[in-house]
Amino acid sequence: SSGTIQQLYFALRLGIIELIMDDSLLFIDDAFISYDDERFENACEFLLEYSEKNQIIFCTCHLRESNMNGAKVLNF
């Protein structure tokens, strides 16, 4: 499915970021629109843990993503 492929790309990008940078800012723009609910929950758990060491800026126009645990939402 496209969600599986997107999940693989996301993991690959994060792996590359971890290899070349320490404590970096992560900017995410609608990365999870093709994820089903279970896959999205797993990504949220990962990002919550990842945010303990790194700042994450997440842009989205979807309500589901704006309700992530630990998110501070700015509506425009």
PDB file of N, CA and C in Angstrom:
ATOM      1  N   SER A   1       0.836  -1.184   0.000  1.00  0.00           N
ATOM      2  CA  SER A   1       0.000   0.000   0.000  1.00  0.00           C
ATOM      3  C   SER A   1       0.877   1.242   0.000  1.00  0.00           C
ATOM      4  N   SER A   2       0.300   2.374  -0.316  1.00  0.00           N
ATOM      5  CA  SER A   2       1.079   3.613  -0.333  1.00  0.00           C
ATOM      6  C   SER A   2       1.503   4.013   1.080  1.00  0.00           C
ATOM      7  N   GLY A   3       0.701   3.640   2.092  1.00  0.00           N
ATOM      8  CA  GLY A   3       1.074   3.925   3.478  1.00  0.00           C
ATOM      9  C   GLY A   3       2.347   3.196   3.877  1.00  0.00           C
ATOM     10  N   THR A   4       2.490   1.959   3.428  1.00  0.00           N
ATOM     11  CA  THR A   4       3.691   1.181   3.720  1.00  0.00           C
ATOM     12  C   THR A   4       4.907   1.801   3.057  1.00  0.00           C
ATOM     13  N   ILE A   5       4.759   2.201   1.816  1.00  0.00           N
ATOM     14  CA  ILE A   5       5.860   2.830   1.086  1.00  0.00           C
ATOM     15  C   ILE A   5       6.244   4.153   1.745  1.00  0.00           C
ATOM     16  N   GLN A   6       5.249   4.960   2.126  1.00  0.00           N
ATOM     17  CA  GLN A   6       5.528   6.225   2.794  1.00  0.00           C
ATOM     18  C   GLN A   6       6.205   6.010   4.144  1.00  0.00           C
ATOM     19  N   GLN A   7       5.810   4.955   4.852  1.00  0.00           N
ATOM     20  CA  GLN A   7       6.431   4.643   6.132  1.00  0.00           C
ATOM     21  C   GLN A   7       7.897   4.267   5.931  1.00  0.00           C
ATOM     22  N   LEU A   8       8.191   3.517   4.895  1.00  0.00           N
ATOM     23  CA  LEU A   8       9.560   3.151   4.588  1.00  0.00           C
ATOM     24  C   LEU A   8      10.397   4.382   4.252  1.00  0.00           C
ATOM     25  N   TYR A   9       9.861   5.280   3.432  1.00  0.00           N
ATOM     26  CA  TYR A   9      10.568   6.517   3.090  1.00  0.00           C
ATOM     27  C   TYR A   9      10.821   7.378   4.324  1.00  0.00           C
ATOM     28  N   PHE A  10       9.843   7.461   5.203  1.00  0.00           N
ATOM     29  CA  PHE A  10       9.991   8.248   6.424  1.00  0.00           C
ATOM     30  C   PHE A  10      11.115   7.667   7.285  1.00  0.00           C
ATOM     31  N   ALA A  11      11.123   6.357   7.455  1.00  0.00           N
ATOM     32  CA  ALA A  11      12.171   5.701   8.248  1.00  0.00           C
ATOM     33  C   ALA A  11      13.542   5.908   7.608  1.00  0.00           C
ATOM     34  N   LEU A  12      13.618   5.829   6.303  1.00  0.00           N
ATOM     35  CA  LEU A  12      14.874   6.035   5.595  1.00  0.00           C
ATOM     36  C   LEU A  12      15.383   7.463   5.777  1.00  0.00           C
ATOM     37  N   ARG A  13      14.496   8.439   5.628  1.00  0.00           N
ATOM     38  CA  ARG A  13      14.896   9.837   5.809  1.00  0.00           C
ATOM     39  C   ARG A  13      15.378  10.098   7.235  1.00  0.00           C
ATOM     40  N   LEU A  14      14.665   9.573   8.219  1.00  0.00           N
ATOM     41  CA  LEU A  14      15.090   9.766   9.606  1.00  0.00           C
ATOM     42  C   LEU A  14      16.413   9.073   9.887  1.00  0.00           C
ATOM     43  N   GLY A  15      16.615   7.910   9.297  1.00  0.00           N
ATOM     44  CA  GLY A  15      17.888   7.212   9.457  1.00  0.00           C
ATOM     45  C   GLY A  15      19.045   8.025   8.906  1.00  0.00           C
ATOM     46  N   ILE A  16      18.857   8.626   7.752  1.00  0.00           N
ATOM     47  CA  ILE A  16      19.894   9.460   7.148  1.00  0.00           C
ATOM     48  C   ILE A  16      20.157  10.692   8.016  1.00  0.00           C
ATOM     49  N   ILE A  17      19.093  11.316   8.509  1.00  0.00           N
ATOM     50  CA  ILE A  17      19.252  12.479   9.385  1.00  0.00           C
ATOM     51  C   ILE A  17      20.056  12.107  10.623  1.00  0.00           C
ATOM     52  N   GLU A  18      19.742  10.965  11.219  1.00  0.00           N
ATOM     53  CA  GLU A  18      20.456  10.529  12.418  1.00  0.00           C
ATOM     54  C   GLU A  18      21.933  10.267  12.130  1.00  0.00           C
ATOM     55  N   LEU A  19      22.248   9.780  10.937  1.00  0.00           N
ATOM     56  CA  LEU A  19      23.641   9.503  10.589  1.00  0.00           C
ATOM     57  C   LEU A  19      24.463  10.771  10.387  1.00  0.00           C
ATOM     58  N   ILE A  20      23.877  11.796   9.820  1.00  0.00           N
ATOM     59  CA  ILE A  20      24.671  12.968   9.462  1.00  0.00           C
ATOM     60  C   ILE A  20      24.541  14.135  10.431  1.00  0.00           C
ATOM     61  N   MET A  21      23.545  14.120  11.302  1.00  0.00           N
ATOM     62  CA  MET A  21      23.337  15.252  12.207  1.00  0.00           C
ATOM     63  C   MET A  21      22.977  14.754  13.599  1.00  0.00           C
ATOM     64  N   ASP A  22      23.460  15.482  14.602  1.00  0.00           N
ATOM     65  CA  ASP A  22      23.071  15.213  15.985  1.00  0.00           C
ATOM     66  C   ASP A  22      22.115  16.299  16.457  1.00  0.00           C
ATOM     67  N   ASP A  23      21.120  15.923  17.206  1.00  0.00           N
ATOM     68  CA  ASP A  23      20.179  16.883  17.790  1.00  0.00           C
ATOM     69  C   ASP A  23      19.701  17.918  16.781  1.00  0.00           C
ATOM     70  N   SER A  24      19.121  17.447  15.731  1.00  0.00           N
ATOM     71  CA  SER A  24      18.706  18.345  14.657  1.00  0.00           C
ATOM     72  C   SER A  24      17.224  18.703  14.756  1.00  0.00           C
ATOM     73  N   LEU A  25      16.865  19.780  14.101  1.00  0.00           N
ATOM     74  CA  LEU A  25      15.474  20.179  13.953  1.00  0.00           C
ATOM     75  C   LEU A  25      14.848  19.311  12.869  1.00  0.00           C
ATOM     76  N   LEU A  26      13.674  18.787  13.134  1.00  0.00           N
ATOM     77  CA  LEU A  26      12.959  17.981  12.152  1.00  0.00           C
ATOM     78  C   LEU A  26      11.724  18.755  11.704  1.00  0.00           C
ATOM     79  N   PHE A  27      11.646  19.040  10.427  1.00  0.00           N
ATOM     80  CA  PHE A  27      10.506  19.745   9.847  1.00  0.00           C
ATOM     81  C   PHE A  27       9.707  18.747   9.029  1.00  0.00           C
ATOM     82  N   ILE A  28       8.436  18.555   9.394  1.00  0.00           N
ATOM     83  CA  ILE A  28       7.576  17.577   8.736  1.00  0.00           C
ATOM     84  C   ILE A  28       6.372  18.304   8.145  1.00  0.00           C
ATOM     85  N   ASP A  29       6.097  18.049   6.887  1.00  0.00           N
ATOM     86  CA  ASP A  29       4.967  18.678   6.218  1.00  0.00           C
ATOM     87  C   ASP A  29       4.043  17.605   5.650  1.00  0.00           C
ATOM     88  N   ASP A  30       2.920  17.366   6.319  1.00  0.00           N
ATOM     89  CA  ASP A  30       1.916  16.377   5.900  1.00  0.00           C
ATOM     90  C   ASP A  30       2.512  15.031   5.498  1.00  0.00           C
ATOM     91  N   ALA A  31       3.386  14.509   6.349  1.00  0.00           N
ATOM     92  CA  ALA A  31       4.075  13.252   6.042  1.00  0.00           C
ATOM     93  C   ALA A  31       3.194  12.017   6.229  1.00  0.00           C
ATOM     94  N   PHE A  32       2.078  12.144   6.936  1.00  0.00           N
ATOM     95  CA  PHE A  32       1.304  10.957   7.310  1.00  0.00           C
ATOM     96  C   PHE A  32      -0.085  10.898   6.680  1.00  0.00           C
ATOM     97  N   ILE A  33      -0.308  11.607   5.607  1.00  0.00           N
ATOM     98  CA  ILE A  33      -1.654  11.651   5.026  1.00  0.00           C
ATOM     99  C   ILE A  33      -2.083  10.311   4.439  1.00  0.00           C
ATOM    100  N   SER A  34      -1.132   9.456   4.064  1.00  0.00           N
ATOM    101  CA  SER A  34      -1.498   8.158   3.504  1.00  0.00           C
ATOM    102  C   SER A  34      -1.427   7.032   4.533  1.00  0.00           C
ATOM    103  N   TYR A  35      -1.173   7.374   5.804  1.00  0.00           N
ATOM    104  CA  TYR A  35      -1.105   6.364   6.861  1.00  0.00           C
ATOM    105  C   TYR A  35      -2.507   6.010   7.342  1.00  0.00           C
ATOM    106  N   ASP A  36      -2.712   4.727   7.626  1.00  0.00           N
ATOM    107  CA  ASP A  36      -3.952   4.342   8.290  1.00  0.00           C
ATOM    108  C   ASP A  36      -3.820   4.699   9.772  1.00  0.00           C
ATOM    109  N   ASP A  37      -4.879   4.526  10.554  1.00  0.00           N
ATOM    110  CA  ASP A  37      -4.878   4.961  11.955  1.00  0.00           C
ATOM    111  C   ASP A  37      -3.820   4.255  12.794  1.00  0.00           C
ATOM    112  N   GLU A  38      -3.649   2.957  12.598  1.00  0.00           N
ATOM    113  CA  GLU A  38      -2.662   2.205  13.387  1.00  0.00           C
ATOM    114  C   GLU A  38      -1.241   2.661  13.064  1.00  0.00           C
ATOM    115  N   ARG A  39      -0.949   2.804  11.799  1.00  0.00           N
ATOM    116  CA  ARG A  39       0.369   3.264  11.376  1.00  0.00           C
ATOM    117  C   ARG A  39       0.626   4.683  11.894  1.00  0.00           C
ATOM    118  N   PHE A  40      -0.408   5.519  11.857  1.00  0.00           N
ATOM    119  CA  PHE A  40      -0.277   6.884  12.358  1.00  0.00           C
ATOM    120  C   PHE A  40       0.002   6.903  13.856  1.00  0.00           C
ATOM    121  N   GLU A  41      -0.689   6.075  14.634  1.00  0.00           N
ATOM    122  CA  GLU A  41      -0.450   6.009  16.079  1.00  0.00           C
ATOM    123  C   GLU A  41       0.986   5.578  16.374  1.00  0.00           C
ATOM    124  N   ASN A  42       1.506   4.620  15.613  1.00  0.00           N
ATOM    125  CA  ASN A  42       2.894   4.196  15.797  1.00  0.00           C
ATOM    126  C   ASN A  42       3.859   5.334  15.501  1.00  0.00           C
ATOM    127  N   ALA A  43       3.583   6.097  14.451  1.00  0.00           N
ATOM    128  CA  ALA A  43       4.429   7.242  14.107  1.00  0.00           C
ATOM    129  C   ALA A  43       4.368   8.295  15.214  1.00  0.00           C
ATOM    130  N   CYS A  44       3.203   8.519  15.786  1.00  0.00           N
ATOM    131  CA  CYS A  44       3.054   9.496  16.873  1.00  0.00           C
ATOM    132  C   CYS A  44       3.864   9.085  18.090  1.00  0.00           C
ATOM    133  N   GLU A  45       3.827   7.809  18.432  1.00  0.00           N
ATOM    134  CA  GLU A  45       4.607   7.321  19.568  1.00  0.00           C
ATOM    135  C   GLU A  45       6.096   7.529  19.321  1.00  0.00           C
ATOM    136  N   PHE A  46       6.536   7.238  18.104  1.00  0.00           N
ATOM    137  CA  PHE A  46       7.937   7.437  17.766  1.00  0.00           C
ATOM    138  C   PHE A  46       8.308   8.917  17.863  1.00  0.00           C
ATOM    139  N   LEU A  47       7.487   9.794  17.291  1.00  0.00           N
ATOM    140  CA  LEU A  47       7.785  11.219  17.292  1.00  0.00           C
ATOM    141  C   LEU A  47       7.784  11.804  18.699  1.00  0.00           C
ATOM    142  N   LEU A  48       6.918  11.312  19.562  1.00  0.00           N
ATOM    143  CA  LEU A  48       6.901  11.771  20.947  1.00  0.00           C
ATOM    144  C   LEU A  48       8.230  11.441  21.627  1.00  0.00           C
ATOM    145  N   GLU A  49       8.729  10.239  21.407  1.00  0.00           N
ATOM    146  CA  GLU A  49      10.028   9.841  21.955  1.00  0.00           C
ATOM    147  C   GLU A  49      11.161  10.644  21.295  1.00  0.00           C
ATOM    148  N   TYR A  50      11.092  10.812  19.989  1.00  0.00           N
ATOM    149  CA  TYR A  50      12.111  11.552  19.242  1.00  0.00           C
ATOM    150  C   TYR A  50      12.168  13.012  19.692  1.00  0.00           C
ATOM    151  N   SER A  51      11.023  13.568  20.083  1.00  0.00           N
ATOM    152  CA  SER A  51      10.958  14.974  20.482  1.00  0.00           C
ATOM    153  C   SER A  51      11.629  15.239  21.822  1.00  0.00           C
ATOM    154  N   GLU A  52      11.980  14.210  22.555  1.00  0.00           N
ATOM    155  CA  GLU A  52      12.687  14.405  23.814  1.00  0.00           C
ATOM    156  C   GLU A  52      14.095  14.935  23.587  1.00  0.00           C
ATOM    157  N   LYS A  53      14.674  14.655  22.408  1.00  0.00           N
ATOM    158  CA  LYS A  53      16.032  15.101  22.104  1.00  0.00           C
ATOM    159  C   LYS A  53      16.082  16.090  20.946  1.00  0.00           C
ATOM    160  N   ASN A  54      15.025  16.187  20.171  1.00  0.00           N
ATOM    161  CA  ASN A  54      15.020  17.007  18.966  1.00  0.00           C
ATOM    162  C   ASN A  54      13.737  17.823  18.885  1.00  0.00           C
ATOM    163  N   GLN A  55      13.859  19.018  18.348  1.00  0.00           N
ATOM    164  CA  GLN A  55      12.682  19.835  18.113  1.00  0.00           C
ATOM    165  C   GLN A  55      12.018  19.373  16.820  1.00  0.00           C
ATOM    166  N   ILE A  56      10.698  19.311  16.822  1.00  0.00           N
ATOM    167  CA  ILE A  56       9.946  18.896  15.639  1.00  0.00           C
ATOM    168  C   ILE A  56       8.945  19.995  15.297  1.00  0.00           C
ATOM    169  N   ILE A  57       8.955  20.412  14.054  1.00  0.00           N
ATOM    170  CA  ILE A  57       7.940  21.328  13.540  1.00  0.00           C
ATOM    171  C   ILE A  57       7.133  20.529  12.535  1.00  0.00           C
ATOM    172  N   PHE A  58       5.835  20.435  12.786  1.00  0.00           N
ATOM    173  CA  PHE A  58       4.957  19.581  11.993  1.00  0.00           C
ATOM    174  C   PHE A  58       3.842  20.437  11.408  1.00  0.00           C
ATOM    175  N   CYS A  59       3.785  20.522  10.109  1.00  0.00           N
ATOM    176  CA  CYS A  59       2.740  21.296   9.432  1.00  0.00           C
ATOM    177  C   CYS A  59       1.727  20.345   8.813  1.00  0.00           C
ATOM    178  N   THR A  60       0.460  20.664   9.005  1.00  0.00           N
ATOM    179  CA  THR A  60      -0.589  19.825   8.438  1.00  0.00           C
ATOM    180  C   THR A  60      -1.877  20.625   8.293  1.00  0.00           C
ATOM    181  N   CYS A  61      -2.732  20.160   7.434  1.00  0.00           N
ATOM    182  CA  CYS A  61      -4.059  20.757   7.306  1.00  0.00           C
ATOM    183  C   CYS A  61      -5.131  19.737   7.692  1.00  0.00           C
ATOM    184  N   HIS A  62      -4.706  18.645   8.350  1.00  0.00           N
ATOM    185  CA  HIS A  62      -5.621  17.573   8.732  1.00  0.00           C
ATOM    186  C   HIS A  62      -5.838  17.569  10.242  1.00  0.00           C
ATOM    187  N   LEU A  63      -7.061  17.410  10.668  1.00  0.00           N
ATOM    188  CA  LEU A  63      -7.416  17.433  12.081  1.00  0.00           C
ATOM    189  C   LEU A  63      -6.753  16.298  12.858  1.00  0.00           C
ATOM    190  N   ARG A  64      -6.671  15.125  12.275  1.00  0.00           N
ATOM    191  CA  ARG A  64      -6.097  13.968  12.973  1.00  0.00           C
ATOM    192  C   ARG A  64      -4.675  14.268  13.464  1.00  0.00           C
ATOM    193  N   GLU A  65      -3.859  14.870  12.616  1.00  0.00           N
ATOM    194  CA  GLU A  65      -2.489  15.163  12.986  1.00  0.00           C
ATOM    195  C   GLU A  65      -2.394  16.261  14.035  1.00  0.00           C
ATOM    196  N   SER A  66      -3.328  17.186  14.030  1.00  0.00           N
ATOM    197  CA  SER A  66      -3.270  18.270  15.011  1.00  0.00           C
ATOM    198  C   SER A  66      -3.621  17.789  16.416  1.00  0.00           C
ATOM    199  N   ASN A  67      -4.136  16.582  16.551  1.00  0.00           N
ATOM    200  CA  ASN A  67      -4.497  16.029  17.843  1.00  0.00           C
ATOM    201  C   ASN A  67      -3.439  15.080  18.415  1.00  0.00           C
ATOM    202  N   MET A  68      -2.207  15.128  17.883  1.00  0.00           N
ATOM    203  CA  MET A  68      -1.148  14.252  18.359  1.00  0.00           C
ATOM    204  C   MET A  68      -0.816  14.571  19.817  1.00  0.00           C
ATOM    205  N   ASN A  69      -0.432  13.554  20.574  1.00  0.00           N
ATOM    206  CA  ASN A  69      -0.017  13.746  21.965  1.00  0.00           C
ATOM    207  C   ASN A  69       1.181  14.677  22.025  1.00  0.00           C
ATOM    208  N   GLY A  70       1.141  15.610  22.949  1.00  0.00           N
ATOM    209  CA  GLY A  70       2.256  16.505  23.160  1.00  0.00           C
ATOM    210  C   GLY A  70       2.369  17.643  22.169  1.00  0.00           C
ATOM    211  N   ALA A  71       1.446  17.726  21.213  1.00  0.00           N
ATOM    212  CA  ALA A  71       1.525  18.755  20.185  1.00  0.00           C
ATOM    213  C   ALA A  71       1.029  20.087  20.738  1.00  0.00           C
ATOM    214  N   LYS A  72       1.698  21.132  20.344  1.00  0.00           N
ATOM    215  CA  LYS A  72       1.238  22.490  20.594  1.00  0.00           C
ATOM    216  C   LYS A  72       0.769  23.010  19.264  1.00  0.00           C
ATOM    217  N   VAL A  73      -0.497  23.337  19.163  1.00  0.00           N
ATOM    218  CA  VAL A  73      -1.131  23.652  17.880  1.00  0.00           C
ATOM    219  C   VAL A  73      -1.247  25.153  17.702  1.00  0.00           C
ATOM    220  N   LEU A  74      -0.832  25.612  16.532  1.00  0.00           N
ATOM    221  CA  LEU A  74      -1.026  26.989  16.112  1.00  0.00           C
ATOM    222  C   LEU A  74      -1.936  26.946  14.891  1.00  0.00           C
ATOM    223  N   ASN A  75      -3.098  27.519  14.988  1.00  0.00           N
ATOM    224  CA  ASN A  75      -4.032  27.528  13.867  1.00  0.00           C
ATOM    225  C   ASN A  75      -3.872  28.812  13.061  1.00  0.00           C
ATOM    226  N   PHE A  76      -3.835  28.654  11.764  1.00  0.00           N
ATOM    227  CA  PHE A  76      -3.724  29.803  10.865  1.00  0.00           C
ATOM    228  C   PHE A  76      -4.923  29.875   9.972  1.00  0.00           C
TER     229      PHE A  76
END
